[in-house]
Amino acid sequence: MGLIISAVLALFLEDVIYSVAALAGTFFFTALIYIQNGAFFAAIFQFAVGIGTLAVLFLSGEMLGDKPAKKASPKRTGALIGVGAILSMPAIFLSVSGSTGTTSNLDFGDALWNIRGLDVVLQALVILTVALGIVIVLHEKKKKDGQ
């Protein structure tokens, strides 16, 4: 529930600082999910990559972002938290944790560390996308300032 609420807040809060703090919560809750499933080192990796991403996002957001003219109202923030809570209800009450006909001798931690190809490629893609986005924004700002 905390993961979905922090993700909704990260997307829809207007102030950059609060949005980055909510994104930090998203990375933290993702790391907690990894820890609960026995993948301690994956949690550390997720949190470390998240902290690096947050540092880059925070610096670029502060340098390039316009300051909002008005502060976000507590009513809007409360509404966003409520929407996040409502969006997390299906995951809580409709979980698919019953027994299935298939069995596996591979637990989550082993699967995460022994089948790493897709995970590594997707993490690299996320980091590359963030870097390219920042380069494009900086290039556009430089071009706009030069005119």
N, C-alpha and C. Protein backbone atom coordinates (compact mmCIF):
# COMPACT_ATOMS: atom_id res chain seq x y z
N MET A 1 0.83 -1.19 0.00
CA MET A 1 0.00 0.00 0.00
C MET A 1 0.88 1.26 0.00
N GLY A 2 1.96 1.23 0.80
CA GLY A 2 2.87 2.37 0.84
C GLY A 2 3.56 2.61 -0.48
N LEU A 3 3.87 1.51 -1.19
CA LEU A 3 4.52 1.62 -2.50
C LEU A 3 3.62 2.35 -3.48
N ILE A 4 2.36 1.99 -3.53
CA ILE A 4 1.44 2.62 -4.50
C ILE A 4 1.15 4.06 -4.11
N ILE A 5 0.96 4.32 -2.82
CA ILE A 5 0.70 5.70 -2.39
C ILE A 5 1.89 6.60 -2.70
N SER A 6 3.10 6.14 -2.39
CA SER A 6 4.27 6.97 -2.68
C SER A 6 4.48 7.16 -4.18
N ALA A 7 4.14 6.15 -4.98
CA ALA A 7 4.26 6.29 -6.43
C ALA A 7 3.26 7.32 -6.96
N VAL A 8 2.03 7.29 -6.46
CA VAL A 8 1.02 8.28 -6.89
C VAL A 8 1.46 9.68 -6.48
N LEU A 9 1.96 9.83 -5.26
CA LEU A 9 2.43 11.14 -4.82
C LEU A 9 3.61 11.62 -5.66
N ALA A 10 4.52 10.71 -6.01
CA ALA A 10 5.67 11.11 -6.83
C ALA A 10 5.24 11.59 -8.20
N LEU A 11 4.18 11.02 -8.73
CA LEU A 11 3.72 11.42 -10.06
C LEU A 11 2.95 12.73 -10.05
N PHE A 12 2.15 12.97 -9.02
CA PHE A 12 1.20 14.07 -9.10
C PHE A 12 1.48 15.26 -8.19
N LEU A 13 2.48 15.19 -7.32
CA LEU A 13 2.81 16.38 -6.53
C LEU A 13 3.50 17.40 -7.41
N GLU A 14 3.17 18.66 -7.22
CA GLU A 14 3.70 19.70 -8.10
C GLU A 14 5.06 20.21 -7.66
N ASP A 15 5.35 20.21 -6.38
CA ASP A 15 6.65 20.68 -5.89
C ASP A 15 7.69 19.58 -6.09
N VAL A 16 8.82 19.94 -6.69
CA VAL A 16 9.85 18.97 -7.05
C VAL A 16 10.41 18.27 -5.81
N ILE A 17 10.63 18.99 -4.76
CA ILE A 17 11.24 18.41 -3.56
C ILE A 17 10.33 17.34 -2.97
N TYR A 18 9.04 17.62 -2.87
CA TYR A 18 8.11 16.64 -2.32
C TYR A 18 7.95 15.44 -3.25
N SER A 19 7.98 15.70 -4.53
CA SER A 19 7.88 14.61 -5.50
C SER A 19 9.09 13.68 -5.42
N VAL A 20 10.27 14.24 -5.27
CA VAL A 20 11.48 13.43 -5.15
C VAL A 20 11.46 12.65 -3.83
N ALA A 21 10.96 13.27 -2.76
CA ALA A 21 10.84 12.56 -1.48
C ALA A 21 9.87 11.38 -1.59
N ALA A 22 8.78 11.57 -2.31
CA ALA A 22 7.83 10.48 -2.51
C ALA A 22 8.45 9.38 -3.37
N LEU A 23 9.26 9.75 -4.35
CA LEU A 23 9.95 8.75 -5.16
C LEU A 23 10.95 7.97 -4.32
N ALA A 24 11.58 8.64 -3.36
CA ALA A 24 12.47 7.93 -2.43
C ALA A 24 11.68 6.90 -1.63
N GLY A 25 10.46 7.25 -1.25
CA GLY A 25 9.60 6.28 -0.57
C GLY A 25 9.27 5.09 -1.46
N THR A 26 9.08 5.35 -2.74
CA THR A 26 8.81 4.26 -3.68
C THR A 26 9.99 3.30 -3.75
N PHE A 27 11.21 3.84 -3.84
CA PHE A 27 12.40 2.98 -3.86
C PHE A 27 12.55 2.23 -2.54
N PHE A 28 12.25 2.88 -1.43
CA PHE A 28 12.36 2.24 -0.12
C PHE A 28 11.38 1.07 0.00
N PHE A 29 10.13 1.28 -0.41
CA PHE A 29 9.14 0.21 -0.31
C PHE A 29 9.45 -0.93 -1.29
N THR A 30 10.03 -0.61 -2.44
CA THR A 30 10.44 -1.66 -3.36
C THR A 30 11.55 -2.50 -2.73
N ALA A 31 12.48 -1.86 -2.06
CA ALA A 31 13.55 -2.58 -1.37
C ALA A 31 12.97 -3.45 -0.25
N LEU A 32 11.96 -2.96 0.44
CA LEU A 32 11.32 -3.77 1.49
C LEU A 32 10.67 -5.02 0.91
N ILE A 33 10.08 -4.91 -0.26
CA ILE A 33 9.48 -6.09 -0.90
C ILE A 33 10.55 -7.11 -1.22
N TYR A 34 11.70 -6.64 -1.71
CA TYR A 34 12.80 -7.55 -1.98
C TYR A 34 13.27 -8.24 -0.69
N ILE A 35 13.38 -7.49 0.39
CA ILE A 35 13.83 -8.07 1.66
C ILE A 35 12.83 -9.10 2.16
N GLN A 36 11.53 -8.81 2.06
CA GLN A 36 10.52 -9.77 2.50
C GLN A 36 10.54 -11.05 1.70
N ASN A 37 11.03 -11.00 0.49
CA ASN A 37 11.10 -12.19 -0.34
C ASN A 37 12.47 -12.86 -0.31
N GLY A 38 13.33 -12.43 0.62
CA GLY A 38 14.61 -13.09 0.81
C GLY A 38 15.72 -12.63 -0.10
N ALA A 39 15.56 -11.55 -0.79
CA ALA A 39 16.60 -11.06 -1.71
C ALA A 39 17.22 -9.80 -1.13
N PHE A 40 18.03 -9.99 -0.09
CA PHE A 40 18.61 -8.86 0.64
C PHE A 40 19.55 -8.03 -0.23
N PHE A 41 20.41 -8.69 -1.00
CA PHE A 41 21.36 -7.95 -1.83
C PHE A 41 20.66 -7.22 -2.98
N ALA A 42 19.59 -7.79 -3.49
CA ALA A 42 18.81 -7.09 -4.52
C ALA A 42 18.18 -5.84 -3.93
N ALA A 43 17.76 -5.91 -2.67
CA ALA A 43 17.20 -4.73 -2.01
C ALA A 43 18.24 -3.63 -1.87
N ILE A 44 19.45 -4.02 -1.50
CA ILE A 44 20.53 -3.04 -1.38
C ILE A 44 20.83 -2.41 -2.75
N PHE A 45 20.88 -3.24 -3.79
CA PHE A 45 21.13 -2.74 -5.14
C PHE A 45 20.01 -1.79 -5.58
N GLN A 46 18.77 -2.17 -5.35
CA GLN A 46 17.62 -1.33 -5.73
C GLN A 46 17.69 0.00 -5.02
N PHE A 47 18.00 -0.02 -3.74
CA PHE A 47 18.04 1.22 -2.97
C PHE A 47 19.22 2.10 -3.41
N ALA A 48 20.37 1.48 -3.72
CA ALA A 48 21.54 2.25 -4.16
C ALA A 48 21.29 2.90 -5.52
N VAL A 49 20.71 2.16 -6.44
CA VAL A 49 20.37 2.73 -7.76
C VAL A 49 19.33 3.83 -7.59
N GLY A 50 18.39 3.61 -6.70
CA GLY A 50 17.36 4.63 -6.45
C GLY A 50 17.94 5.91 -5.89
N ILE A 51 18.89 5.80 -4.98
CA ILE A 51 19.50 7.00 -4.39
C ILE A 51 20.26 7.78 -5.47
N GLY A 52 20.98 7.07 -6.34
CA GLY A 52 21.69 7.75 -7.43
C GLY A 52 20.74 8.44 -8.38
N THR A 53 19.65 7.75 -8.71
CA THR A 53 18.64 8.35 -9.59
C THR A 53 18.01 9.57 -8.95
N LEU A 54 17.73 9.49 -7.66
CA LEU A 54 17.14 10.63 -6.96
C LEU A 54 18.07 11.83 -6.94
N ALA A 55 19.35 11.58 -6.75
CA ALA A 55 20.30 12.69 -6.74
C ALA A 55 20.30 13.42 -8.09
N VAL A 56 20.31 12.65 -9.17
CA VAL A 56 20.30 13.25 -10.50
C VAL A 56 18.97 13.98 -10.75
N LEU A 57 17.86 13.33 -10.41
CA LEU A 57 16.55 13.97 -10.62
C LEU A 57 16.40 15.24 -9.79
N PHE A 58 16.87 15.19 -8.55
CA PHE A 58 16.74 16.36 -7.69
C PHE A 58 17.55 17.53 -8.23
N LEU A 59 18.79 17.26 -8.60
CA LEU A 59 19.63 18.35 -9.12
C LEU A 59 19.09 18.92 -10.42
N SER A 60 18.69 18.04 -11.34
CA SER A 60 18.17 18.55 -12.61
C SER A 60 16.81 19.23 -12.41
N GLY A 61 16.01 18.72 -11.52
CA GLY A 61 14.71 19.34 -11.26
C GLY A 61 14.83 20.71 -10.63
N GLU A 62 15.77 20.86 -9.73
CA GLU A 62 15.97 22.15 -9.10
C GLU A 62 16.58 23.16 -10.07
N MET A 63 17.48 22.69 -10.92
CA MET A 63 18.12 23.60 -11.87
C MET A 63 17.18 24.02 -12.99
N LEU A 64 16.37 23.09 -13.48
CA LEU A 64 15.59 23.35 -14.67
C LEU A 64 14.13 23.66 -14.41
N GLY A 65 13.64 23.24 -13.27
CA GLY A 65 12.21 23.37 -13.01
C GLY A 65 11.80 24.76 -12.61
N ASP A 66 10.60 25.13 -13.00
CA ASP A 66 10.02 26.38 -12.55
C ASP A 66 9.40 26.17 -11.18
N LYS A 67 9.53 27.16 -10.36
CA LYS A 67 8.95 27.07 -9.03
C LYS A 67 7.44 27.29 -9.14
N PRO A 68 6.64 26.45 -8.47
CA PRO A 68 5.20 26.66 -8.54
C PRO A 68 4.81 27.96 -7.85
N ALA A 69 3.85 28.65 -8.43
CA ALA A 69 3.41 29.93 -7.88
C ALA A 69 2.69 29.74 -6.56
N LYS A 70 2.01 28.61 -6.41
CA LYS A 70 1.28 28.37 -5.17
C LYS A 70 1.71 27.03 -4.59
N LYS A 71 1.59 26.91 -3.31
CA LYS A 71 1.91 25.67 -2.63
C LYS A 71 0.77 24.67 -2.83
N ALA A 72 1.11 23.41 -2.81
CA ALA A 72 0.09 22.37 -2.92
C ALA A 72 -0.74 22.38 -1.65
N SER A 73 -2.03 22.31 -1.82
CA SER A 73 -2.91 22.35 -0.66
C SER A 73 -2.91 21.00 0.04
N PRO A 74 -3.08 21.01 1.35
CA PRO A 74 -3.17 19.74 2.07
C PRO A 74 -4.36 18.90 1.61
N LYS A 75 -5.40 19.57 1.13
CA LYS A 75 -6.58 18.86 0.63
C LYS A 75 -6.22 18.04 -0.61
N ARG A 76 -5.44 18.63 -1.53
CA ARG A 76 -5.03 17.91 -2.74
C ARG A 76 -4.09 16.76 -2.40
N THR A 77 -3.15 16.99 -1.48
CA THR A 77 -2.24 15.93 -1.06
C THR A 77 -3.01 14.79 -0.40
N GLY A 78 -3.97 15.12 0.43
CA GLY A 78 -4.81 14.08 1.05
C GLY A 78 -5.60 13.31 0.00
N ALA A 79 -6.09 14.02 -1.02
CA ALA A 79 -6.82 13.34 -2.09
C ALA A 79 -5.91 12.39 -2.85
N LEU A 80 -4.66 12.80 -3.09
CA LEU A 80 -3.71 11.92 -3.77
C LEU A 80 -3.40 10.68 -2.94
N ILE A 81 -3.26 10.85 -1.63
CA ILE A 81 -3.03 9.70 -0.75
C ILE A 81 -4.24 8.77 -0.78
N GLY A 82 -5.43 9.35 -0.79
CA GLY A 82 -6.65 8.54 -0.88
C GLY A 82 -6.73 7.76 -2.19
N VAL A 83 -6.37 8.41 -3.29
CA VAL A 83 -6.37 7.71 -4.59
C VAL A 83 -5.37 6.57 -4.58
N GLY A 84 -4.20 6.81 -4.01
CA GLY A 84 -3.20 5.75 -3.90
C GLY A 84 -3.70 4.58 -3.06
N ALA A 85 -4.38 4.90 -1.97
CA ALA A 85 -4.93 3.84 -1.12
C ALA A 85 -6.00 3.04 -1.86
N ILE A 86 -6.84 3.72 -2.60
CA ILE A 86 -7.89 3.04 -3.37
C ILE A 86 -7.27 2.17 -4.46
N LEU A 87 -6.23 2.68 -5.13
CA LEU A 87 -5.57 1.89 -6.17
C LEU A 87 -4.86 0.66 -5.61
N SER A 88 -4.48 0.70 -4.34
CA SER A 88 -3.79 -0.45 -3.76
C SER A 88 -4.74 -1.50 -3.22
N MET A 89 -6.02 -1.20 -3.12
CA MET A 89 -6.98 -2.17 -2.57
C MET A 89 -7.07 -3.47 -3.37
N PRO A 90 -7.11 -3.45 -4.69
CA PRO A 90 -7.15 -4.73 -5.40
C PRO A 90 -5.94 -5.61 -5.11
N ALA A 91 -4.78 -5.00 -4.98
CA ALA A 91 -3.58 -5.79 -4.69
C ALA A 91 -3.63 -6.40 -3.30
N ILE A 92 -4.30 -5.74 -2.38
CA ILE A 92 -4.39 -6.25 -1.02
C ILE A 92 -5.44 -7.34 -0.90
N PHE A 93 -6.63 -7.09 -1.44
CA PHE A 93 -7.75 -8.01 -1.21
C PHE A 93 -7.91 -9.08 -2.29
N LEU A 94 -7.36 -8.86 -3.46
CA LEU A 94 -7.52 -9.83 -4.54
C LEU A 94 -6.20 -10.52 -4.86
N SER A 95 -5.37 -10.75 -3.84
CA SER A 95 -4.08 -11.36 -4.10
C SER A 95 -4.27 -12.80 -4.55
N VAL A 96 -3.34 -13.26 -5.35
CA VAL A 96 -3.41 -14.59 -5.91
C VAL A 96 -2.39 -15.45 -5.16
N SER A 97 -2.66 -15.71 -3.89
CA SER A 97 -1.68 -16.44 -3.09
C SER A 97 -2.15 -17.84 -2.77
N GLY A 98 -3.11 -18.34 -3.49
CA GLY A 98 -3.57 -19.70 -3.25
C GLY A 98 -2.62 -20.71 -3.86
N SER A 99 -2.89 -21.97 -3.62
CA SER A 99 -2.03 -23.00 -4.18
C SER A 99 -2.36 -23.20 -5.65
N THR A 100 -1.33 -23.50 -6.41
CA THR A 100 -1.50 -23.72 -7.84
C THR A 100 -1.07 -25.13 -8.17
N GLY A 101 -1.31 -25.53 -9.38
CA GLY A 101 -0.95 -26.87 -9.80
C GLY A 101 0.52 -27.03 -10.13
N THR A 102 1.23 -25.92 -10.27
CA THR A 102 2.65 -26.01 -10.60
C THR A 102 3.48 -25.83 -9.34
N THR A 103 4.57 -26.52 -9.26
CA THR A 103 5.49 -26.37 -8.13
C THR A 103 6.88 -26.08 -8.67
N SER A 104 7.65 -25.41 -7.86
CA SER A 104 9.01 -25.08 -8.25
C SER A 104 9.90 -25.20 -7.03
N ASN A 105 11.09 -25.68 -7.23
CA ASN A 105 12.05 -25.76 -6.13
C ASN A 105 12.91 -24.51 -6.04
N LEU A 106 12.61 -23.50 -6.83
CA LEU A 106 13.40 -22.28 -6.89
C LEU A 106 12.69 -21.20 -6.08
N ASP A 107 13.34 -20.68 -5.04
CA ASP A 107 12.72 -19.60 -4.29
C ASP A 107 13.03 -18.25 -4.94
N PHE A 108 12.42 -17.21 -4.42
CA PHE A 108 12.50 -15.89 -5.04
C PHE A 108 13.94 -15.37 -5.11
N GLY A 109 14.69 -15.50 -4.01
CA GLY A 109 16.07 -15.02 -3.99
C GLY A 109 16.94 -15.70 -5.02
N ASP A 110 16.80 -17.04 -5.14
CA ASP A 110 17.58 -17.76 -6.15
C ASP A 110 17.20 -17.36 -7.56
N ALA A 111 15.90 -17.22 -7.79
CA ALA A 111 15.45 -16.83 -9.13
C ALA A 111 15.96 -15.43 -9.47
N LEU A 112 15.96 -14.54 -8.49
CA LEU A 112 16.39 -13.17 -8.75
C LEU A 112 17.88 -13.10 -9.07
N TRP A 113 18.69 -13.92 -8.40
CA TRP A 113 20.13 -13.83 -8.60
C TRP A 113 20.64 -14.76 -9.69
N ASN A 114 19.96 -15.87 -9.95
CA ASN A 114 20.46 -16.80 -10.96
C ASN A 114 19.89 -16.55 -12.34
N ILE A 115 18.78 -15.85 -12.42
CA ILE A 115 18.18 -15.53 -13.71
C ILE A 115 18.22 -14.01 -13.83
N ARG A 116 19.39 -13.46 -14.10
CA ARG A 116 19.61 -12.01 -14.02
C ARG A 116 19.60 -11.29 -15.35
N GLY A 117 19.54 -11.98 -16.45
CA GLY A 117 19.68 -11.32 -17.74
C GLY A 117 18.67 -10.22 -17.97
N LEU A 118 17.40 -10.52 -17.81
CA LEU A 118 16.35 -9.54 -18.08
C LEU A 118 16.40 -8.40 -17.07
N ASP A 119 16.65 -8.71 -15.82
CA ASP A 119 16.69 -7.69 -14.78
C ASP A 119 17.80 -6.68 -15.04
N VAL A 120 18.97 -7.16 -15.39
CA VAL A 120 20.10 -6.26 -15.64
C VAL A 120 19.83 -5.38 -16.86
N VAL A 121 19.26 -5.97 -17.90
CA VAL A 121 18.96 -5.20 -19.11
C VAL A 121 17.91 -4.12 -18.81
N LEU A 122 16.89 -4.45 -18.03
CA LEU A 122 15.86 -3.46 -17.71
C LEU A 122 16.40 -2.35 -16.80
N GLN A 123 17.24 -2.69 -15.82
CA GLN A 123 17.84 -1.65 -14.98
C GLN A 123 18.72 -0.72 -15.82
N ALA A 124 19.49 -1.29 -16.73
CA ALA A 124 20.33 -0.46 -17.60
C ALA A 124 19.47 0.43 -18.49
N LEU A 125 18.35 -0.08 -18.97
CA LEU A 125 17.45 0.70 -19.81
C LEU A 125 16.85 1.88 -19.03
N VAL A 126 16.49 1.65 -17.78
CA VAL A 126 15.96 2.73 -16.96
C VAL A 126 17.01 3.82 -16.75
N ILE A 127 18.22 3.41 -16.40
CA ILE A 127 19.29 4.38 -16.17
C ILE A 127 19.61 5.15 -17.45
N LEU A 128 19.65 4.46 -18.59
CA LEU A 128 19.91 5.10 -19.87
C LEU A 128 18.80 6.09 -20.22
N THR A 129 17.56 5.72 -19.97
CA THR A 129 16.43 6.61 -20.26
C THR A 129 16.50 7.87 -19.42
N VAL A 130 16.83 7.74 -18.14
CA VAL A 130 16.95 8.92 -17.28
C VAL A 130 18.09 9.82 -17.77
N ALA A 131 19.22 9.22 -18.11
CA ALA A 131 20.35 10.02 -18.59
C ALA A 131 20.03 10.74 -19.89
N LEU A 132 19.40 10.03 -20.83
CA LEU A 132 19.04 10.67 -22.10
C LEU A 132 18.00 11.77 -21.91
N GLY A 133 17.06 11.55 -21.02
CA GLY A 133 16.06 12.59 -20.74
C GLY A 133 16.69 13.85 -20.19
N ILE A 134 17.65 13.69 -19.30
CA ILE A 134 18.32 14.86 -18.73
C ILE A 134 19.15 15.57 -19.79
N VAL A 135 19.83 14.81 -20.64
CA VAL A 135 20.62 15.42 -21.72
C VAL A 135 19.71 16.21 -22.66
N ILE A 136 18.55 15.67 -23.01
CA ILE A 136 17.63 16.36 -23.90
C ILE A 136 17.11 17.64 -23.26
N VAL A 137 16.75 17.56 -21.98
CA VAL A 137 16.24 18.75 -21.29
C VAL A 137 17.32 19.82 -21.20
N LEU A 138 18.53 19.43 -20.86
CA LEU A 138 19.62 20.41 -20.79
C LEU A 138 19.91 21.02 -22.16
N HIS A 139 19.86 20.22 -23.22
CA HIS A 139 20.09 20.73 -24.57
C HIS A 139 19.01 21.73 -24.96
N GLU A 140 17.77 21.41 -24.66
CA GLU A 140 16.67 22.32 -24.99
C GLU A 140 16.78 23.62 -24.19
N LYS A 141 17.16 23.52 -22.93
CA LYS A 141 17.31 24.73 -22.12
C LYS A 141 18.45 25.59 -22.64
N LYS A 142 19.55 24.94 -23.03
CA LYS A 142 20.68 25.69 -23.58
C LYS A 142 20.29 26.37 -24.89
N LYS A 143 19.54 25.66 -25.72
CA LYS A 143 19.10 26.22 -27.00
C LYS A 143 18.13 27.38 -26.77
N LYS A 144 17.25 27.25 -25.76
CA LYS A 144 16.29 28.31 -25.47
C LYS A 144 16.99 29.54 -24.88
N ASP A 145 17.99 29.33 -24.04
CA ASP A 145 18.74 30.45 -23.44
C ASP A 145 19.61 31.16 -24.48
N GLY A 146 20.06 30.41 -25.49
CA GLY A 146 20.92 30.98 -26.52
C GLY A 146 20.18 31.84 -27.51
N GLN A 147 18.86 31.71 -27.61
CA GLN A 147 18.09 32.46 -28.60
C GLN A 147 17.82 33.85 -28.17
